[in-house]
PDB file of N, CA and C in Angstrom:
ATOM      1  N   MET A   1       1.176  -1.118  -0.262  1.00  0.00           N
ATOM      2  CA  MET A   1       0.223   0.004  -0.196  1.00  0.00           C
ATOM      3  C   MET A   1       1.382   1.033  -0.168  1.00  0.00           C
ATOM      4  N   SER A   2       0.367   2.357  -0.804  1.00  0.00           N
ATOM      5  CA  SER A   2       0.984   3.603  -0.606  1.00  0.00           C
ATOM      6  C   SER A   2       0.530   4.714   0.745  1.00  0.00           C
ATOM      7  N   ASP A   3       1.983   5.231   1.256  1.00  0.00           N
ATOM      8  CA  ASP A   3       1.849   5.856   2.439  1.00  0.00           C
ATOM      9  C   ASP A   3       1.934   7.530   1.916  1.00  0.00           C
ATOM     10  N   VAL A   4       0.894   7.748   1.417  1.00  0.00           N
ATOM     11  CA  VAL A   4       0.532   9.131   0.925  1.00  0.00           C
ATOM     12  C   VAL A   4      -0.424   9.719   1.525  1.00  0.00           C
ATOM     13  N   LYS A   5      -0.202  10.865   2.463  1.00  0.00           N
ATOM     14  CA  LYS A   5      -1.026  11.304   2.945  1.00  0.00           C
ATOM     15  C   LYS A   5      -1.219  12.679   1.967  1.00  0.00           C
ATOM     16  N   ARG A   6      -2.923  12.678   2.699  1.00  0.00           N
ATOM     17  CA  ARG A   6      -3.849  13.946   1.666  1.00  0.00           C
ATOM     18  C   ARG A   6      -2.859  15.126   2.514  1.00  0.00           C
ATOM     19  N   LYS A   7      -2.665  16.490   1.554  1.00  0.00           N
ATOM     20  CA  LYS A   7      -2.034  17.803   2.281  1.00  0.00           C
ATOM     21  C   LYS A   7      -2.826  18.781   2.317  1.00  0.00           C
ATOM     22  N   LYS A   8      -2.898  19.359   3.618  1.00  0.00           N
ATOM     23  CA  LYS A   8      -4.440  20.016   3.881  1.00  0.00           C
ATOM     24  C   LYS A   8      -4.431  21.249   3.032  1.00  0.00           C
ATOM     25  N   GLY A   9      -6.177  20.836   2.697  1.00  0.00           N
ATOM     26  CA  GLY A   9      -6.656  22.030   1.689  1.00  0.00           C
ATOM     27  C   GLY A   9      -6.586  21.521   0.240  1.00  0.00           C
ATOM     28  N   GLU A  10      -6.066  20.042  -0.138  1.00  0.00           N
ATOM     29  CA  GLU A  10      -6.190  19.899  -1.228  1.00  0.00           C
ATOM     30  C   GLU A  10      -7.249  18.567  -1.297  1.00  0.00           C
ATOM     31  N   SER A  11      -7.625  19.423  -2.732  1.00  0.00           N
ATOM     32  CA  SER A  11      -8.723  18.363  -3.319  1.00  0.00           C
ATOM     33  C   SER A  11      -8.653  16.970  -3.418  1.00  0.00           C
ATOM     34  N   PHE A  12      -9.816  16.229  -3.339  1.00  0.00           N
ATOM     35  CA  PHE A  12      -9.367  14.771  -3.779  1.00  0.00           C
ATOM     36  C   PHE A  12      -8.955  14.590  -5.171  1.00  0.00           C
ATOM     37  N   GLU A  13      -9.454  15.176  -5.911  1.00  0.00           N
ATOM     38  CA  GLU A  13      -8.783  14.882  -7.406  1.00  0.00           C
ATOM     39  C   GLU A  13      -7.420  15.212  -7.447  1.00  0.00           C
ATOM     40  N   GLN A  14      -6.701  16.426  -7.010  1.00  0.00           N
ATOM     41  CA  GLN A  14      -5.555  16.646  -6.932  1.00  0.00           C
ATOM     42  C   GLN A  14      -5.064  15.458  -6.018  1.00  0.00           C
ATOM     43  N   PHE A  15      -5.111  15.137  -5.029  1.00  0.00           N
ATOM     44  CA  PHE A  15      -4.589  14.279  -3.949  1.00  0.00           C
ATOM     45  C   PHE A  15      -4.488  12.857  -4.911  1.00  0.00           C
ATOM     46  N   PHE A  16      -5.545  12.329  -5.572  1.00  0.00           N
ATOM     47  CA  PHE A  16      -5.873  11.068  -6.420  1.00  0.00           C
ATOM     48  C   PHE A  16      -4.888  11.306  -7.582  1.00  0.00           C
ATOM     49  N   ARG A  17      -4.649  12.224  -8.340  1.00  0.00           N
ATOM     50  CA  ARG A  17      -3.724  12.796  -9.582  1.00  0.00           C
ATOM     51  C   ARG A  17      -2.261  12.600  -9.414  1.00  0.00           C
ATOM     52  N   ARG A  18      -1.961  12.715  -7.678  1.00  0.00           N
ATOM     53  CA  ARG A  18      -0.607  12.796  -7.529  1.00  0.00           C
ATOM     54  C   ARG A  18      -0.456  11.056  -6.827  1.00  0.00           C
ATOM     55  N   VAL A  19      -1.109  10.770  -5.971  1.00  0.00           N
ATOM     56  CA  VAL A  19      -0.878   9.539  -6.120  1.00  0.00           C
ATOM     57  C   VAL A  19      -0.939   8.508  -7.215  1.00  0.00           C
ATOM     58  N   LYS A  20      -1.798   8.633  -7.930  1.00  0.00           N
ATOM     59  CA  LYS A  20      -1.532   8.157  -9.290  1.00  0.00           C
ATOM     60  C   LYS A  20      -0.158   8.021  -9.987  1.00  0.00           C
ATOM     61  N   GLN A  21       0.736   9.234 -10.245  1.00  0.00           N
ATOM     62  CA  GLN A  21       1.783   9.577 -10.525  1.00  0.00           C
ATOM     63  C   GLN A  21       2.694   9.249 -10.134  1.00  0.00           C
ATOM     64  N   GLY A  22       2.675   8.887  -8.431  1.00  0.00           N
ATOM     65  CA  GLY A  22       3.728   7.633  -7.893  1.00  0.00           C
ATOM     66  C   GLY A  22       3.725   6.034  -8.072  1.00  0.00           C
ATOM     67  N   TRP A  23       2.781   5.851  -7.983  1.00  0.00           N
ATOM     68  CA  TRP A  23       2.264   4.418  -8.847  1.00  0.00           C
ATOM     69  C   TRP A  23       2.915   4.354  -9.943  1.00  0.00           C
ATOM     70  N   LYS A  24       2.344   5.291 -10.871  1.00  0.00           N
ATOM     71  CA  LYS A  24       2.985   5.218 -12.296  1.00  0.00           C
ATOM     72  C   LYS A  24       4.796   5.078 -12.208  1.00  0.00           C
ATOM     73  N   LEU A  25       5.556   5.866 -11.453  1.00  0.00           N
ATOM     74  CA  LEU A  25       6.493   6.308 -11.672  1.00  0.00           C
ATOM     75  C   LEU A  25       7.532   4.973 -10.996  1.00  0.00           C
ATOM     76  N   SER A  26       6.784   4.513  -9.824  1.00  0.00           N
ATOM     77  CA  SER A  26       7.432   3.651  -8.908  1.00  0.00           C
ATOM     78  C   SER A  26       7.007   1.965  -9.976  1.00  0.00           C
ATOM     79  N   GLY A  27       6.652   2.004 -11.045  1.00  0.00           N
ATOM     80  CA  GLY A  27       6.484   0.740 -11.529  1.00  0.00           C
ATOM     81  C   GLY A  27       4.975   0.181 -11.353  1.00  0.00           C
ATOM     82  N   ARG A  28       4.613   0.397 -10.181  1.00  0.00           N
ATOM     83  CA  ARG A  28       3.452  -0.417  -9.590  1.00  0.00           C
ATOM     84  C   ARG A  28       2.275  -1.018 -10.733  1.00  0.00           C
ATOM     85  N   ILE A  29       2.212   0.216 -11.836  1.00  0.00           N
ATOM     86  CA  ILE A  29       0.981   0.202 -12.074  1.00  0.00           C
ATOM     87  C   ILE A  29       1.139  -1.239 -13.532  1.00  0.00           C
ATOM     88  N   LEU A  30       2.787  -1.084 -14.050  1.00  0.00           N
ATOM     89  CA  LEU A  30       2.595  -1.900 -14.942  1.00  0.00           C
ATOM     90  C   LEU A  30       2.989  -3.718 -14.389  1.00  0.00           C
ATOM     91  N   GLN A  31       3.447  -3.460 -13.228  1.00  0.00           N
ATOM     92  CA  GLN A  31       3.070  -4.624 -12.493  1.00  0.00           C
ATOM     93  C   GLN A  31       2.175  -5.413 -12.140  1.00  0.00           C
ATOM     94  N   VAL A  32       1.140  -4.903 -12.095  1.00  0.00           N
ATOM     95  CA  VAL A  32      -0.480  -5.418 -11.931  1.00  0.00           C
ATOM     96  C   VAL A  32      -0.726  -5.819 -13.112  1.00  0.00           C
ATOM     97  N   ARG A  33      -0.682  -4.917 -14.319  1.00  0.00           N
ATOM     98  CA  ARG A  33      -1.190  -5.177 -15.424  1.00  0.00           C
ATOM     99  C   ARG A  33      -0.407  -6.548 -16.143  1.00  0.00           C
ATOM    100  N   LYS A  34       0.792  -6.754 -15.763  1.00  0.00           N
ATOM    101  CA  LYS A  34       1.492  -7.859 -16.484  1.00  0.00           C
ATOM    102  C   LYS A  34       0.659  -9.319 -15.173  1.00  0.00           C
ATOM    103  N   VAL A  35       0.827  -9.286 -14.228  1.00  0.00           N
ATOM    104  CA  VAL A  35       0.061  -9.997 -13.489  1.00  0.00           C
ATOM    105  C   VAL A  35      -1.085 -10.480 -13.498  1.00  0.00           C
ATOM    106  N   LYS A  36      -2.024  -9.406 -14.358  1.00  0.00           N
ATOM    107  CA  LYS A  36      -3.621  -9.641 -14.507  1.00  0.00           C
ATOM    108  C   LYS A  36      -3.982 -10.325 -15.682  1.00  0.00           C
ATOM    109  N   VAL A  37      -2.995 -10.406 -16.786  1.00  0.00           N
ATOM    110  CA  VAL A  37      -2.967 -11.150 -18.015  1.00  0.00           C
ATOM    111  C   VAL A  37      -1.935 -12.182 -18.278  1.00  0.00           C
ATOM    112  N   PHE A  38      -1.510 -12.583 -16.520  1.00  0.00           N
ATOM    113  CA  PHE A  38      -0.285 -13.572 -17.023  1.00  0.00           C
ATOM    114  C   PHE A  38      -0.830 -14.803 -17.602  1.00  0.00           C
ATOM    115  N   LEU A  39      -0.676 -15.390 -18.322  1.00  0.00           N
ATOM    116  CA  LEU A  39      -1.159 -17.126 -18.315  1.00  0.00           C
ATOM    117  C   LEU A  39       0.245 -18.107 -18.634  1.00  0.00           C
ATOM    118  N   PRO A  40       0.058 -19.121 -17.702  1.00  0.00           N
ATOM    119  CA  PRO A  40       1.238 -20.007 -17.957  1.00  0.00           C
ATOM    120  C   PRO A  40       1.077 -20.691 -19.120  1.00  0.00           C
ATOM    121  N   LYS A  41       2.228 -21.276 -19.357  1.00  0.00           N
ATOM    122  CA  LYS A  41       2.696 -22.108 -20.401  1.00  0.00           C
ATOM    123  C   LYS A  41       2.025 -23.495 -20.618  1.00  0.00           C
ATOM    124  N   LYS A  42       1.376 -24.049 -21.606  1.00  0.00           N
ATOM    125  CA  LYS A  42       1.155 -25.557 -21.257  1.00  0.00           C
ATOM    126  C   LYS A  42       1.982 -26.282 -21.398  1.00  0.00           C
ATOM    127  N   SER A  43       1.955 -27.297 -20.915  1.00  0.00           N
ATOM    128  CA  SER A  43       2.728 -28.150 -21.193  1.00  0.00           C
ATOM    129  C   SER A  43       3.263 -28.843 -22.347  1.00  0.00           C
ATOM    130  N   LYS A  44       4.055 -29.861 -22.953  1.00  0.00           N
ATOM    131  CA  LYS A  44       4.164 -30.139 -23.934  1.00  0.00           C
ATOM    132  C   LYS A  44       3.321 -31.571 -24.217  1.00  0.00           C
ATOM    133  N   ASN A  45       2.823 -32.092 -23.159  1.00  0.00           N
ATOM    134  CA  ASN A  45       1.871 -32.897 -23.462  1.00  0.00           C
ATOM    135  C   ASN A  45       0.504 -32.229 -23.879  1.00  0.00           C
ATOM    136  N   VAL A  46       0.230 -31.412 -23.350  1.00  0.00           N
ATOM    137  CA  VAL A  46      -1.355 -30.735 -23.310  1.00  0.00           C
ATOM    138  C   VAL A  46      -0.780 -30.276 -24.769  1.00  0.00           C
ATOM    139  N   GLN A  47       0.154 -29.890 -25.198  1.00  0.00           N
ATOM    140  CA  GLN A  47       0.231 -28.714 -26.847  1.00  0.00           C
ATOM    141  C   GLN A  47      -0.061 -29.922 -27.654  1.00  0.00           C
ATOM    142  N   LYS A  48       0.454 -31.087 -27.280  1.00  0.00           N
ATOM    143  CA  LYS A  48       0.583 -32.234 -28.360  1.00  0.00           C
ATOM    144  C   LYS A  48      -1.082 -32.512 -28.800  1.00  0.00           C
ATOM    145  N   MET A  49      -1.589 -32.794 -27.512  1.00  0.00           N
ATOM    146  CA  MET A  49      -2.865 -33.369 -27.452  1.00  0.00           C
ATOM    147  C   MET A  49      -4.258 -32.306 -27.909  1.00  0.00           C
ATOM    148  N   SER A  50      -3.653 -31.170 -27.771  1.00  0.00           N
ATOM    149  CA  SER A  50      -4.539 -29.964 -28.394  1.00  0.00           C
ATOM    150  C   SER A  50      -4.309 -30.136 -30.116  1.00  0.00           C
ATOM    151  N   ALA A  51      -3.290 -30.191 -30.414  1.00  0.00           N
ATOM    152  CA  ALA A  51      -2.747 -30.450 -31.812  1.00  0.00           C
ATOM    153  C   ALA A  51      -3.811 -31.501 -32.261  1.00  0.00           C
ATOM    154  N   VAL A  52      -3.504 -32.411 -32.079  1.00  0.00           N
ATOM    155  CA  VAL A  52      -4.003 -34.393 -32.288  1.00  0.00           C
ATOM    156  C   VAL A  52      -5.688 -33.548 -32.326  1.00  0.00           C
ATOM    157  N   LYS A  53      -6.044 -33.076 -31.568  1.00  0.00           N
ATOM    158  CA  LYS A  53      -7.511 -33.312 -31.394  1.00  0.00           C
ATOM    159  C   LYS A  53      -8.015 -31.808 -32.627  1.00  0.00           C
ATOM    160  N   LYS A  54      -7.408 -31.247 -32.501  1.00  0.00           N
ATOM    161  CA  LYS A  54      -7.753 -30.145 -33.793  1.00  0.00           C
ATOM    162  C   LYS A  54      -7.204 -30.591 -35.265  1.00  0.00           C
ATOM    163  N   ALA A  55      -6.188 -31.440 -35.499  1.00  0.00           N
ATOM    164  CA  ALA A  55      -6.085 -31.856 -36.957  1.00  0.00           C
ATOM    165  C   ALA A  55      -7.213 -32.941 -36.884  1.00  0.00           C
ATOM    166  N   ALA A  56      -7.548 -33.711 -35.909  1.00  0.00           N
ATOM    167  CA  ALA A  56      -8.837 -34.723 -36.098  1.00  0.00           C
ATOM    168  C   ALA A  56     -10.209 -33.980 -36.150  1.00  0.00           C
ATOM    169  N   LYS A  57     -10.475 -32.852 -36.135  1.00  0.00           N
ATOM    170  CA  LYS A  57     -11.467 -31.947 -36.247  1.00  0.00           C
ATOM    171  C   LYS A  57     -11.642 -31.463 -37.703  1.00  0.00           C
ATOM    172  N   GLN A  58     -10.361 -31.259 -37.805  1.00  0.00           N
ATOM    173  CA  GLN A  58     -10.217 -30.376 -39.344  1.00  0.00           C
ATOM    174  C   GLN A  58     -10.647 -31.578 -40.852  1.00  0.00           C
ATOM    175  N   SER A  59      -9.592 -32.798 -40.265  1.00  0.00           N
ATOM    176  CA  SER A  59     -10.003 -33.607 -41.604  1.00  0.00           C
ATOM    177  C   SER A  59     -11.360 -34.145 -41.295  1.00  0.00           C
ATOM    178  N   LYS A  60     -12.470 -34.657 -40.344  1.00  0.00           N
ATOM    179  CA  LYS A  60     -13.661 -34.719 -40.127  1.00  0.00           C
ATOM    180  C   LYS A  60     -14.268 -33.675 -40.888  1.00  0.00           C
ATOM    181  N   GLN A  61     -14.455 -32.480 -40.545  1.00  0.00           N
ATOM    182  CA  GLN A  61     -14.749 -31.226 -41.130  1.00  0.00           C
ATOM    183  C   GLN A  61     -14.514 -31.653 -42.793  1.00  0.00           C
ATOM    184  N   ALA A  62     -13.021 -31.368 -43.325  1.00  0.00           N
ATOM    185  CA  ALA A  62     -13.056 -31.883 -44.624  1.00  0.00           C
ATOM    186  C   ALA A  62     -13.620 -32.855 -45.077  1.00  0.00           C
ATOM    187  N   TYR A  63     -13.700 -34.046 -44.514  1.00  0.00           N
ATOM    188  CA  TYR A  63     -14.133 -35.530 -45.366  1.00  0.00           C
ATOM    189  C   TYR A  63     -15.706 -35.137 -45.561  1.00  0.00           C
ATOM    190  N   LEU A  64     -16.276 -34.504 -44.446  1.00  0.00           N
ATOM    191  CA  LEU A  64     -17.903 -34.516 -44.170  1.00  0.00           C
ATOM    192  C   LEU A  64     -18.352 -33.172 -45.773  1.00  0.00           C
ATOM    193  N   GLN A  65     -17.527 -32.234 -45.633  1.00  0.00           N
ATOM    194  CA  GLN A  65     -17.604 -31.029 -46.842  1.00  0.00           C
ATOM    195  C   GLN A  65     -17.722 -31.908 -48.396  1.00  0.00           C
ATOM    196  N   LYS A  66     -16.547 -32.680 -48.124  1.00  0.00           N
ATOM    197  CA  LYS A  66     -16.144 -33.423 -49.720  1.00  0.00           C
ATOM    198  C   LYS A  66     -17.206 -34.440 -50.164  1.00  0.00           C
ATOM    199  N   ILE A  67     -18.294 -34.878 -48.982  1.00  0.00           N
ATOM    200  CA  ILE A  67     -19.091 -35.717 -49.564  1.00  0.00           C
ATOM    201  C   ILE A  67     -20.401 -35.238 -49.564  1.00  0.00           C
ATOM    202  N   GLY A  68     -20.486 -33.856 -49.206  1.00  0.00           N
ATOM    203  CA  GLY A  68     -21.394 -33.087 -49.168  1.00  0.00           C
ATOM    204  C   GLY A  68     -22.956 -33.080 -48.147  1.00  0.00           C
ATOM    205  N   LYS A  69     -21.754 -33.579 -46.541  1.00  0.00           N
ATOM    206  CA  LYS A  69     -22.781 -33.243 -45.893  1.00  0.00           C
ATOM    207  C   LYS A  69     -22.947 -32.252 -44.776  1.00  0.00           C
ATOM    208  N   MET A  70     -21.832 -31.494 -45.186  1.00  0.00           N
ATOM    209  CA  MET A  70     -21.951 -29.848 -44.604  1.00  0.00           C
ATOM    210  C   MET A  70     -21.405 -29.407 -45.496  1.00  0.00           C
ATOM    211  N   ALA A  71     -21.960 -27.978 -45.413  1.00  0.00           N
ATOM    212  CA  ALA A  71     -21.838 -26.673 -46.466  1.00  0.00           C
ATOM    213  C   ALA A  71     -20.504 -26.038 -45.858  1.00  0.00           C
ATOM    214  N   ARG A  72     -19.719 -25.587 -47.010  1.00  0.00           N
ATOM    215  CA  ARG A  72     -18.624 -24.879 -46.682  1.00  0.00           C
ATOM    216  C   ARG A  72     -19.211 -23.493 -45.703  1.00  0.00           C
ATOM    217  N   PRO A  73     -18.296 -23.316 -44.970  1.00  0.00           N
ATOM    218  CA  PRO A  73     -18.578 -22.165 -44.285  1.00  0.00           C
ATOM    219  C   PRO A  73     -18.612 -20.945 -45.206  1.00  0.00           C
ATOM    220  N   GLU A  74     -18.973 -20.049 -44.700  1.00  0.00           N
ATOM    221  CA  GLU A  74     -19.184 -18.380 -45.641  1.00  0.00           C
ATOM    222  C   GLU A  74     -17.833 -17.520 -45.599  1.00  0.00           C
ATOM    223  N   SER A  75     -17.444 -17.207 -45.769  1.00  0.00           N
ATOM    224  CA  SER A  75     -16.340 -15.886 -45.133  1.00  0.00           C
ATOM    225  C   SER A  75     -16.712 -15.414 -43.731  1.00  0.00           C
ATOM    226  N   ARG A  76     -15.760 -15.403 -42.909  1.00  0.00           N
ATOM    227  CA  ARG A  76     -16.158 -15.067 -41.591  1.00  0.00           C
ATOM    228  C   ARG A  76     -16.193 -13.398 -41.574  1.00  0.00           C
ATOM    229  N   PHE A  77     -15.739 -12.529 -42.849  1.00  0.00           N
ATOM    230  CA  PHE A  77     -15.452 -11.509 -42.580  1.00  0.00           C
ATOM    231  C   PHE A  77     -15.918 -10.585 -43.828  1.00  0.00           C
ATOM    232  N   ARG A  78     -17.400 -10.228 -43.788  1.00  0.00           N
ATOM    233  CA  ARG A  78     -17.763  -9.643 -45.222  1.00  0.00           C
ATOM    234  C   ARG A  78     -17.891  -8.338 -45.716  1.00  0.00           C
ATOM    235  N   ARG A  79     -18.095  -7.943 -46.120  1.00  0.00           N
ATOM    236  CA  ARG A  79     -17.920  -6.301 -46.523  1.00  0.00           C
ATOM    237  C   ARG A  79     -19.203  -6.036 -46.266  1.00  0.00           C
ATOM    238  N   ARG A  80     -19.264  -4.788 -45.728  1.00  0.00           N
ATOM    239  CA  ARG A  80     -20.635  -4.429 -45.299  1.00  0.00           C
ATOM    240  C   ARG A  80     -20.257  -2.502 -46.261  1.00  0.00           C
ATOM    241  N   ARG A  81     -21.694  -2.711 -46.706  1.00  0.00           N
ATOM    242  CA  ARG A  81     -21.907  -1.326 -47.926  1.00  0.00           C
ATOM    243  C   ARG A  81     -22.343  -0.264 -46.983  1.00  0.00           C
TER     244      ARG A  81
END
Protein backbone atom coordinates (compact mmCIF):
# COMPACT_ATOMS: atom_id res chain seq x y z
CA MET A 1 0.00 0.00 0.00
CA SER A 2 1.19 3.53 -0.62
CA ASP A 3 1.89 5.80 2.30
CA VAL A 4 0.76 9.07 0.77
CA LYS A 5 -1.08 11.50 2.99
CA ARG A 6 -3.49 14.13 1.79
CA LYS A 7 -2.12 17.64 2.16
CA LYS A 8 -4.05 20.29 4.02
CA GLY A 9 -6.45 22.10 1.68
CA GLU A 10 -5.74 19.67 -1.19
CA SER A 11 -8.77 18.56 -3.20
CA PHE A 12 -9.42 14.85 -3.63
CA GLU A 13 -8.82 15.06 -7.39
CA GLN A 14 -5.39 16.62 -6.90
CA PHE A 15 -4.53 14.07 -4.21
CA PHE A 16 -5.63 11.16 -6.36
CA ARG A 17 -3.70 12.50 -9.37
CA ARG A 18 -0.57 12.74 -7.20
CA VAL A 19 -1.04 9.17 -5.90
CA LYS A 20 -1.54 7.79 -9.42
CA GLN A 21 1.58 9.61 -10.62
CA GLY A 22 3.54 8.00 -7.76
CA TRP A 23 2.27 4.55 -8.73
CA LYS A 24 3.16 5.18 -12.35
CA LEU A 25 6.71 6.27 -11.51
CA SER A 26 7.28 3.33 -9.15
CA GLY A 27 6.15 0.81 -11.82
CA ARG A 28 3.34 -0.71 -9.76
CA ILE A 29 0.72 -0.19 -12.46
CA LEU A 30 2.79 -2.03 -15.07
CA GLN A 31 3.47 -4.87 -12.66
CA VAL A 32 -0.22 -5.29 -11.85
CA ARG A 33 -1.17 -5.28 -15.53
CA LYS A 34 1.42 -7.97 -16.29
CA VAL A 35 0.16 -10.19 -13.47
CA LYS A 36 -3.45 -9.64 -14.49
CA VAL A 37 -2.99 -11.08 -17.98
CA PHE A 38 -0.37 -13.72 -17.16
CA LEU A 39 -1.10 -17.09 -18.72
CA PRO A 40 1.14 -19.98 -17.71
CA LYS A 41 2.69 -21.98 -20.54
CA LYS A 42 1.00 -25.24 -21.44
CA SER A 43 3.01 -28.40 -21.01
CA LYS A 44 4.31 -30.25 -24.06
CA ASN A 45 1.81 -33.09 -23.60
CA VAL A 46 -1.13 -30.70 -23.43
CA GLN A 47 0.09 -28.92 -26.58
CA LYS A 48 0.45 -32.20 -28.44
CA MET A 49 -2.98 -33.44 -27.38
CA SER A 50 -4.66 -30.21 -28.46
CA ALA A 51 -2.84 -30.38 -31.82
CA VAL A 52 -4.06 -33.96 -32.35
CA LYS A 53 -7.65 -32.99 -31.50
CA LYS A 54 -7.50 -29.99 -33.82
CA ALA A 55 -6.15 -32.07 -36.71
CA ALA A 56 -8.85 -34.71 -36.20
CA LYS A 57 -11.57 -32.09 -36.17
CA GLN A 58 -10.24 -30.45 -39.34
CA SER A 59 -9.98 -33.75 -41.21
CA LYS A 60 -13.53 -34.69 -40.18
CA GLN A 61 -14.88 -31.35 -41.40
CA ALA A 62 -12.99 -31.67 -44.68
CA TYR A 63 -14.40 -35.18 -45.21
CA LEU A 64 -17.96 -34.05 -44.48
CA GLN A 65 -17.59 -31.12 -46.87
CA LYS A 66 -16.19 -33.43 -49.55
CA ILE A 67 -19.11 -35.89 -49.40
CA GLY A 68 -21.66 -33.06 -49.24
CA LYS A 69 -22.96 -33.57 -45.70
CA MET A 70 -21.71 -30.20 -44.53
CA ALA A 71 -21.89 -26.89 -46.37
CA ARG A 72 -18.72 -24.90 -46.86
CA PRO A 73 -18.44 -22.12 -44.29
CA GLU A 74 -19.02 -18.62 -45.59
CA SER A 75 -16.38 -15.99 -45.18
CA ARG A 76 -16.38 -14.70 -41.62
CA PHE A 77 -15.37 -11.22 -42.70
CA ARG A 78 -18.01 -9.92 -45.03
CA ARG A 79 -17.74 -6.47 -46.45
CA ARG A 80 -20.40 -4.04 -45.29
CA ARG A 81 -21.80 -1.48 -47.66
